[in-house]
Amino acid sequence: MTIKEKQQTIIEEFSLFEDWMDKYSYLIELGKELPLIDKQYKTNRYLISGCQSRVWLHAELKVGKMYLTADSDAVITKGIIALLVQVLSGHSPHEILDAGFDFLEPIGLKDHLSPTRANGLLSMTKQIQLYAKAFQIKMNQ
């Protein structure tokens, strides 16, 4: 499934919920389903700066595809990073850089986050893009 197809699926899933409390519950469930990050990556080196909660993100490149693992100490934030991992992990750095994060607007996530969580979301997306750019450069050498 392409990134755009995954994003469309997320948009459709979120549209099933009318109430934002239900959407938050869904985000929490996504966080619970997030595969555990290896303990060696739950260090300050992998912490995303700019997040109110602690969020660890690790990326690795395998056979031209970028794989993400993550964790957070806050349930909503863990759901947000799980959403990003679900959509982007397993795709090439080029695909990730081209895809963008437009799907966050139609699901209303940006409008329903506190300013500190919105800043955290921005920090998460920037970190994923930085990983993708670094891996793309490495692949082109």
N, C-alpha and C. Protein backbone atom coordinates (compact mmCIF):
# COMPACT_ATOMS: atom_id res chain seq x y z
N MET A 1 0.84 -1.17 0.00
CA MET A 1 0.00 0.00 0.00
C MET A 1 0.90 1.25 0.00
N THR A 2 0.56 2.21 -0.82
CA THR A 2 1.35 3.44 -0.90
C THR A 2 1.09 4.33 0.32
N ILE A 3 1.93 5.32 0.51
CA ILE A 3 1.73 6.26 1.60
C ILE A 3 0.40 7.00 1.42
N LYS A 4 0.13 7.43 0.22
CA LYS A 4 -1.13 8.15 -0.04
C LYS A 4 -2.34 7.27 0.28
N GLU A 5 -2.27 5.99 -0.07
CA GLU A 5 -3.36 5.07 0.24
C GLU A 5 -3.52 4.90 1.75
N LYS A 6 -2.39 4.80 2.46
CA LYS A 6 -2.45 4.69 3.92
C LYS A 6 -3.04 5.96 4.52
N GLN A 7 -2.64 7.10 4.00
CA GLN A 7 -3.18 8.36 4.50
C GLN A 7 -4.68 8.43 4.27
N GLN A 8 -5.14 8.00 3.10
CA GLN A 8 -6.57 8.02 2.80
C GLN A 8 -7.33 7.08 3.74
N THR A 9 -6.74 5.94 4.05
CA THR A 9 -7.36 5.01 4.98
C THR A 9 -7.51 5.65 6.35
N ILE A 10 -6.48 6.35 6.80
CA ILE A 10 -6.54 7.04 8.10
C ILE A 10 -7.65 8.11 8.09
N ILE A 11 -7.73 8.86 7.01
CA ILE A 11 -8.77 9.89 6.88
C ILE A 11 -10.16 9.24 6.99
N GLU A 12 -10.34 8.12 6.31
CA GLU A 12 -11.62 7.42 6.34
C GLU A 12 -11.92 6.87 7.73
N GLU A 13 -10.89 6.32 8.40
CA GLU A 13 -11.09 5.79 9.75
C GLU A 13 -11.50 6.90 10.72
N PHE A 14 -10.83 8.04 10.65
CA PHE A 14 -11.16 9.15 11.54
C PHE A 14 -12.54 9.73 11.23
N SER A 15 -12.97 9.65 9.98
CA SER A 15 -14.29 10.20 9.63
C SER A 15 -15.43 9.38 10.23
N LEU A 16 -15.14 8.17 10.67
CA LEU A 16 -16.17 7.33 11.30
C LEU A 16 -16.57 7.85 12.68
N PHE A 17 -15.69 8.65 13.27
CA PHE A 17 -15.95 9.19 14.61
C PHE A 17 -16.46 10.62 14.50
N GLU A 18 -17.58 10.90 15.15
CA GLU A 18 -18.14 12.24 15.12
C GLU A 18 -17.60 13.09 16.26
N ASP A 19 -17.32 12.46 17.37
CA ASP A 19 -16.90 13.15 18.58
C ASP A 19 -15.38 13.07 18.73
N TRP A 20 -14.77 14.18 19.18
CA TRP A 20 -13.32 14.17 19.32
C TRP A 20 -12.85 13.29 20.47
N MET A 21 -13.68 13.04 21.43
CA MET A 21 -13.28 12.11 22.50
C MET A 21 -13.11 10.71 21.92
N ASP A 22 -13.95 10.35 20.95
CA ASP A 22 -13.81 9.05 20.29
C ASP A 22 -12.53 9.00 19.45
N LYS A 23 -12.20 10.12 18.83
CA LYS A 23 -10.97 10.18 18.04
C LYS A 23 -9.74 10.07 18.95
N TYR A 24 -9.81 10.72 20.11
CA TYR A 24 -8.71 10.58 21.08
C TYR A 24 -8.59 9.13 21.54
N SER A 25 -9.72 8.48 21.78
CA SER A 25 -9.70 7.06 22.18
C SER A 25 -9.07 6.21 21.09
N TYR A 26 -9.37 6.52 19.85
CA TYR A 26 -8.78 5.80 18.73
C TYR A 26 -7.26 6.01 18.68
N LEU A 27 -6.84 7.25 18.90
CA LEU A 27 -5.40 7.53 18.95
C LEU A 27 -4.72 6.73 20.06
N ILE A 28 -5.37 6.66 21.21
CA ILE A 28 -4.81 5.89 22.33
C ILE A 28 -4.68 4.42 21.96
N GLU A 29 -5.68 3.89 21.26
CA GLU A 29 -5.63 2.50 20.80
C GLU A 29 -4.47 2.29 19.82
N LEU A 30 -4.27 3.23 18.92
CA LEU A 30 -3.15 3.14 17.99
C LEU A 30 -1.83 3.09 18.75
N GLY A 31 -1.73 3.90 19.79
CA GLY A 31 -0.53 3.91 20.61
C GLY A 31 -0.29 2.57 21.29
N LYS A 32 -1.36 1.93 21.74
CA LYS A 32 -1.23 0.62 22.39
C LYS A 32 -0.75 -0.44 21.41
N GLU A 33 -1.07 -0.27 20.13
CA GLU A 33 -0.68 -1.23 19.10
C GLU A 33 0.72 -0.99 18.56
N LEU A 34 1.33 0.13 18.94
CA LEU A 34 2.67 0.46 18.45
C LEU A 34 3.67 -0.59 18.93
N PRO A 35 4.41 -1.20 18.00
CA PRO A 35 5.42 -2.18 18.43
C PRO A 35 6.44 -1.52 19.36
N LEU A 36 6.87 -2.28 20.34
CA LEU A 36 7.82 -1.75 21.32
C LEU A 36 9.14 -1.38 20.66
N ILE A 37 9.65 -0.22 21.05
CA ILE A 37 10.96 0.21 20.58
C ILE A 37 12.01 -0.52 21.42
N ASP A 38 13.10 -0.88 20.80
CA ASP A 38 14.18 -1.55 21.52
C ASP A 38 14.71 -0.62 22.60
N LYS A 39 15.00 -1.16 23.77
CA LYS A 39 15.44 -0.34 24.91
C LYS A 39 16.68 0.50 24.59
N GLN A 40 17.52 0.00 23.70
CA GLN A 40 18.73 0.77 23.38
C GLN A 40 18.42 2.11 22.70
N TYR A 41 17.20 2.26 22.19
CA TYR A 41 16.81 3.51 21.53
C TYR A 41 15.99 4.42 22.43
N LYS A 42 15.75 4.01 23.66
CA LYS A 42 15.03 4.87 24.61
C LYS A 42 16.06 5.64 25.44
N THR A 43 16.86 6.41 24.72
CA THR A 43 17.89 7.24 25.34
C THR A 43 17.72 8.67 24.87
N ASN A 44 18.43 9.57 25.50
CA ASN A 44 18.35 10.99 25.11
C ASN A 44 18.71 11.22 23.66
N ARG A 45 19.58 10.37 23.11
CA ARG A 45 19.99 10.52 21.72
C ARG A 45 18.80 10.44 20.75
N TYR A 46 17.80 9.67 21.11
CA TYR A 46 16.65 9.45 20.22
C TYR A 46 15.40 10.23 20.65
N LEU A 47 15.53 11.05 21.69
CA LEU A 47 14.42 11.90 22.10
C LEU A 47 14.20 13.00 21.08
N ILE A 48 12.95 13.28 20.79
CA ILE A 48 12.62 14.37 19.87
C ILE A 48 12.50 15.65 20.70
N SER A 49 13.31 16.62 20.38
CA SER A 49 13.21 17.89 21.10
C SER A 49 12.01 18.66 20.58
N GLY A 50 11.41 19.44 21.45
CA GLY A 50 10.25 20.24 21.07
C GLY A 50 8.94 19.60 21.46
N CYS A 51 9.00 18.40 22.02
CA CYS A 51 7.78 17.74 22.49
C CYS A 51 7.66 17.93 23.99
N GLN A 52 6.47 18.22 24.45
CA GLN A 52 6.24 18.36 25.88
C GLN A 52 6.44 17.00 26.57
N SER A 53 5.92 15.96 25.96
CA SER A 53 6.10 14.60 26.46
C SER A 53 7.41 14.06 25.90
N ARG A 54 7.86 13.00 26.49
CA ARG A 54 9.07 12.37 25.95
C ARG A 54 8.66 11.44 24.80
N VAL A 55 9.30 11.64 23.65
CA VAL A 55 9.04 10.83 22.47
C VAL A 55 10.38 10.38 21.92
N TRP A 56 10.54 9.07 21.80
CA TRP A 56 11.74 8.51 21.23
C TRP A 56 11.41 8.02 19.83
N LEU A 57 12.30 8.30 18.89
CA LEU A 57 12.09 7.88 17.50
C LEU A 57 13.41 7.36 16.96
N HIS A 58 13.35 6.17 16.41
CA HIS A 58 14.52 5.58 15.79
C HIS A 58 14.16 5.21 14.36
N ALA A 59 15.08 5.47 13.46
CA ALA A 59 14.87 5.11 12.05
C ALA A 59 16.08 4.33 11.57
N GLU A 60 15.82 3.36 10.73
CA GLU A 60 16.91 2.64 10.09
C GLU A 60 16.55 2.37 8.64
N LEU A 61 17.57 2.23 7.85
CA LEU A 61 17.40 1.99 6.43
C LEU A 61 17.76 0.54 6.14
N LYS A 62 16.84 -0.18 5.54
CA LYS A 62 17.06 -1.57 5.14
C LYS A 62 16.61 -1.73 3.71
N VAL A 63 17.52 -2.11 2.85
CA VAL A 63 17.24 -2.38 1.45
C VAL A 63 16.43 -1.23 0.82
N GLY A 64 16.86 -0.01 1.07
CA GLY A 64 16.24 1.16 0.46
C GLY A 64 14.95 1.63 1.09
N LYS A 65 14.53 1.00 2.16
CA LYS A 65 13.29 1.38 2.85
C LYS A 65 13.63 1.87 4.26
N MET A 66 12.88 2.86 4.71
CA MET A 66 13.07 3.42 6.04
C MET A 66 12.06 2.80 7.00
N TYR A 67 12.58 2.29 8.12
CA TYR A 67 11.72 1.67 9.13
C TYR A 67 11.82 2.46 10.42
N LEU A 68 10.67 2.80 10.95
CA LEU A 68 10.58 3.63 12.14
C LEU A 68 10.08 2.83 13.33
N THR A 69 10.67 3.08 14.49
CA THR A 69 10.14 2.58 15.75
C THR A 69 10.09 3.77 16.69
N ALA A 70 9.13 3.76 17.59
CA ALA A 70 8.94 4.92 18.45
C ALA A 70 8.25 4.52 19.74
N ASP A 71 8.28 5.46 20.67
CA ASP A 71 7.56 5.30 21.93
C ASP A 71 7.38 6.68 22.55
N SER A 72 6.46 6.78 23.48
CA SER A 72 6.24 8.02 24.22
C SER A 72 5.75 7.67 25.62
N ASP A 73 5.97 8.58 26.54
CA ASP A 73 5.49 8.37 27.90
C ASP A 73 4.09 8.94 28.12
N ALA A 74 3.46 9.47 27.07
CA ALA A 74 2.10 10.02 27.16
C ALA A 74 1.21 9.32 26.14
N VAL A 75 0.01 8.93 26.54
CA VAL A 75 -0.83 8.08 25.69
C VAL A 75 -1.27 8.75 24.39
N ILE A 76 -1.68 10.02 24.44
CA ILE A 76 -2.10 10.71 23.21
C ILE A 76 -0.90 10.88 22.28
N THR A 77 0.20 11.30 22.83
CA THR A 77 1.41 11.50 22.04
C THR A 77 1.88 10.19 21.43
N LYS A 78 1.77 9.11 22.18
CA LYS A 78 2.15 7.80 21.66
C LYS A 78 1.24 7.42 20.49
N GLY A 79 -0.03 7.78 20.58
CA GLY A 79 -0.95 7.53 19.48
C GLY A 79 -0.60 8.35 18.25
N ILE A 80 -0.17 9.58 18.46
CA ILE A 80 0.20 10.44 17.33
C ILE A 80 1.42 9.89 16.62
N ILE A 81 2.45 9.51 17.38
CA ILE A 81 3.65 8.97 16.73
C ILE A 81 3.34 7.62 16.10
N ALA A 82 2.44 6.84 16.71
CA ALA A 82 2.04 5.56 16.12
C ALA A 82 1.37 5.78 14.76
N LEU A 83 0.56 6.82 14.66
CA LEU A 83 -0.09 7.17 13.40
C LEU A 83 0.95 7.47 12.33
N LEU A 84 1.97 8.25 12.68
CA LEU A 84 3.02 8.59 11.72
C LEU A 84 3.82 7.35 11.32
N VAL A 85 4.14 6.51 12.29
CA VAL A 85 4.89 5.28 12.01
C VAL A 85 4.07 4.38 11.09
N GLN A 86 2.79 4.24 11.39
CA GLN A 86 1.91 3.38 10.59
C GLN A 86 1.88 3.82 9.12
N VAL A 87 1.84 5.10 8.89
CA VAL A 87 1.73 5.63 7.53
C VAL A 87 3.07 5.58 6.79
N LEU A 88 4.16 5.86 7.47
CA LEU A 88 5.44 6.09 6.77
C LEU A 88 6.44 4.94 6.82
N SER A 89 6.42 4.14 7.84
CA SER A 89 7.42 3.09 7.97
C SER A 89 7.31 2.07 6.84
N GLY A 90 8.46 1.67 6.32
CA GLY A 90 8.48 0.67 5.25
C GLY A 90 8.51 1.27 3.85
N HIS A 91 8.66 2.58 3.77
CA HIS A 91 8.72 3.26 2.48
C HIS A 91 10.10 3.86 2.28
N SER A 92 10.41 4.18 1.05
CA SER A 92 11.72 4.76 0.75
C SER A 92 11.78 6.20 1.27
N PRO A 93 12.99 6.67 1.57
CA PRO A 93 13.13 8.07 1.99
C PRO A 93 12.51 9.04 0.96
N HIS A 94 12.71 8.74 -0.31
CA HIS A 94 12.15 9.59 -1.37
C HIS A 94 10.63 9.65 -1.27
N GLU A 95 9.98 8.50 -1.09
CA GLU A 95 8.52 8.46 -0.97
C GLU A 95 8.05 9.25 0.25
N ILE A 96 8.78 9.13 1.36
CA ILE A 96 8.42 9.83 2.59
C ILE A 96 8.53 11.34 2.39
N LEU A 97 9.61 11.77 1.76
CA LEU A 97 9.80 13.21 1.54
C LEU A 97 8.77 13.78 0.57
N ASP A 98 8.36 12.99 -0.40
CA ASP A 98 7.36 13.44 -1.38
C ASP A 98 5.94 13.43 -0.83
N ALA A 99 5.67 12.56 0.13
CA ALA A 99 4.30 12.37 0.60
C ALA A 99 3.77 13.54 1.42
N GLY A 100 4.58 14.07 2.28
CA GLY A 100 4.11 15.13 3.15
C GLY A 100 3.16 14.62 4.22
N PHE A 101 2.57 15.55 4.93
CA PHE A 101 1.70 15.22 6.05
C PHE A 101 0.34 15.87 5.91
N ASP A 102 -0.12 16.00 4.67
CA ASP A 102 -1.40 16.65 4.38
C ASP A 102 -2.59 15.94 5.02
N PHE A 103 -2.46 14.66 5.28
CA PHE A 103 -3.59 13.91 5.83
C PHE A 103 -3.95 14.35 7.25
N LEU A 104 -3.06 15.05 7.92
CA LEU A 104 -3.34 15.50 9.28
C LEU A 104 -4.42 16.58 9.32
N GLU A 105 -4.52 17.35 8.25
CA GLU A 105 -5.53 18.41 8.18
C GLU A 105 -6.95 17.85 8.11
N PRO A 106 -7.27 16.94 7.17
CA PRO A 106 -8.65 16.45 7.09
C PRO A 106 -9.11 15.65 8.31
N ILE A 107 -8.19 15.04 9.05
CA ILE A 107 -8.65 14.31 10.24
C ILE A 107 -8.86 15.25 11.42
N GLY A 108 -8.42 16.51 11.27
CA GLY A 108 -8.66 17.52 12.29
C GLY A 108 -7.69 17.48 13.44
N LEU A 109 -6.63 16.72 13.30
CA LEU A 109 -5.69 16.57 14.41
C LEU A 109 -5.07 17.89 14.83
N LYS A 110 -4.65 18.67 13.87
CA LYS A 110 -4.01 19.95 14.20
C LYS A 110 -4.94 20.89 14.95
N ASP A 111 -6.23 20.84 14.63
CA ASP A 111 -7.21 21.74 15.26
C ASP A 111 -7.59 21.33 16.68
N HIS A 112 -7.33 20.07 17.03
CA HIS A 112 -7.77 19.58 18.33
C HIS A 112 -6.63 19.24 19.28
N LEU A 113 -5.45 19.71 18.97
CA LEU A 113 -4.32 19.49 19.86
C LEU A 113 -4.02 20.79 20.61
N SER A 114 -3.56 20.63 21.83
CA SER A 114 -3.11 21.80 22.57
C SER A 114 -1.90 22.38 21.84
N PRO A 115 -1.58 23.64 22.06
CA PRO A 115 -0.41 24.23 21.39
C PRO A 115 0.88 23.44 21.63
N THR A 116 1.05 22.91 22.84
CA THR A 116 2.28 22.16 23.10
C THR A 116 2.30 20.83 22.35
N ARG A 117 1.14 20.17 22.25
CA ARG A 117 1.08 18.92 21.47
C ARG A 117 1.23 19.21 19.97
N ALA A 118 0.67 20.32 19.50
CA ALA A 118 0.82 20.70 18.09
C ALA A 118 2.29 20.95 17.77
N ASN A 119 3.00 21.61 18.68
CA ASN A 119 4.45 21.81 18.50
C ASN A 119 5.17 20.46 18.48
N GLY A 120 4.74 19.56 19.35
CA GLY A 120 5.33 18.23 19.38
C GLY A 120 5.11 17.48 18.08
N LEU A 121 3.91 17.58 17.53
CA LEU A 121 3.60 16.95 16.25
C LEU A 121 4.51 17.50 15.15
N LEU A 122 4.68 18.82 15.14
CA LEU A 122 5.57 19.44 14.17
C LEU A 122 7.00 18.93 14.35
N SER A 123 7.44 18.79 15.58
CA SER A 123 8.79 18.27 15.85
C SER A 123 8.94 16.83 15.37
N MET A 124 7.89 16.03 15.56
CA MET A 124 7.92 14.64 15.10
C MET A 124 8.05 14.57 13.58
N THR A 125 7.23 15.35 12.88
CA THR A 125 7.27 15.31 11.42
C THR A 125 8.62 15.81 10.90
N LYS A 126 9.16 16.85 11.54
CA LYS A 126 10.47 17.36 11.12
C LYS A 126 11.56 16.32 11.32
N GLN A 127 11.50 15.60 12.45
CA GLN A 127 12.52 14.58 12.71
C GLN A 127 12.44 13.45 11.70
N ILE A 128 11.24 13.04 11.36
CA ILE A 128 11.08 11.99 10.34
C ILE A 128 11.64 12.46 9.01
N GLN A 129 11.36 13.70 8.64
CA GLN A 129 11.89 14.25 7.39
C GLN A 129 13.42 14.34 7.42
N LEU A 130 13.98 14.69 8.57
CA LEU A 130 15.44 14.74 8.69
C LEU A 130 16.06 13.36 8.49
N TYR A 131 15.46 12.34 9.10
CA TYR A 131 15.93 10.98 8.88
C TYR A 131 15.85 10.62 7.41
N ALA A 132 14.72 10.94 6.77
CA ALA A 132 14.53 10.60 5.36
C ALA A 132 15.57 11.30 4.48
N LYS A 133 15.82 12.58 4.76
CA LYS A 133 16.83 13.34 3.98
C LYS A 133 18.21 12.73 4.16
N ALA A 134 18.56 12.41 5.39
CA ALA A 134 19.87 11.81 5.67
C ALA A 134 20.04 10.47 4.95
N PHE A 135 19.00 9.64 4.99
CA PHE A 135 19.08 8.33 4.33
C PHE A 135 19.11 8.49 2.81
N GLN A 136 18.40 9.47 2.29
CA GLN A 136 18.40 9.71 0.85
C GLN A 136 19.80 10.12 0.39
N ILE A 137 20.43 11.01 1.16
CA ILE A 137 21.80 11.42 0.83
C ILE A 137 22.74 10.21 0.89
N LYS A 138 22.59 9.40 1.93
CA LYS A 138 23.44 8.21 2.07
C LYS A 138 23.27 7.25 0.89
N MET A 139 22.04 7.09 0.43
CA MET A 139 21.76 6.19 -0.69
C MET A 139 22.34 6.73 -2.01
N ASN A 140 22.44 8.05 -2.14
CA ASN A 140 22.92 8.66 -3.38
C ASN A 140 24.44 8.80 -3.44
N GLN A 141 25.12 8.40 -2.39
CA GLN A 141 26.59 8.52 -2.38
C GLN A 141 27.23 7.39 -3.16
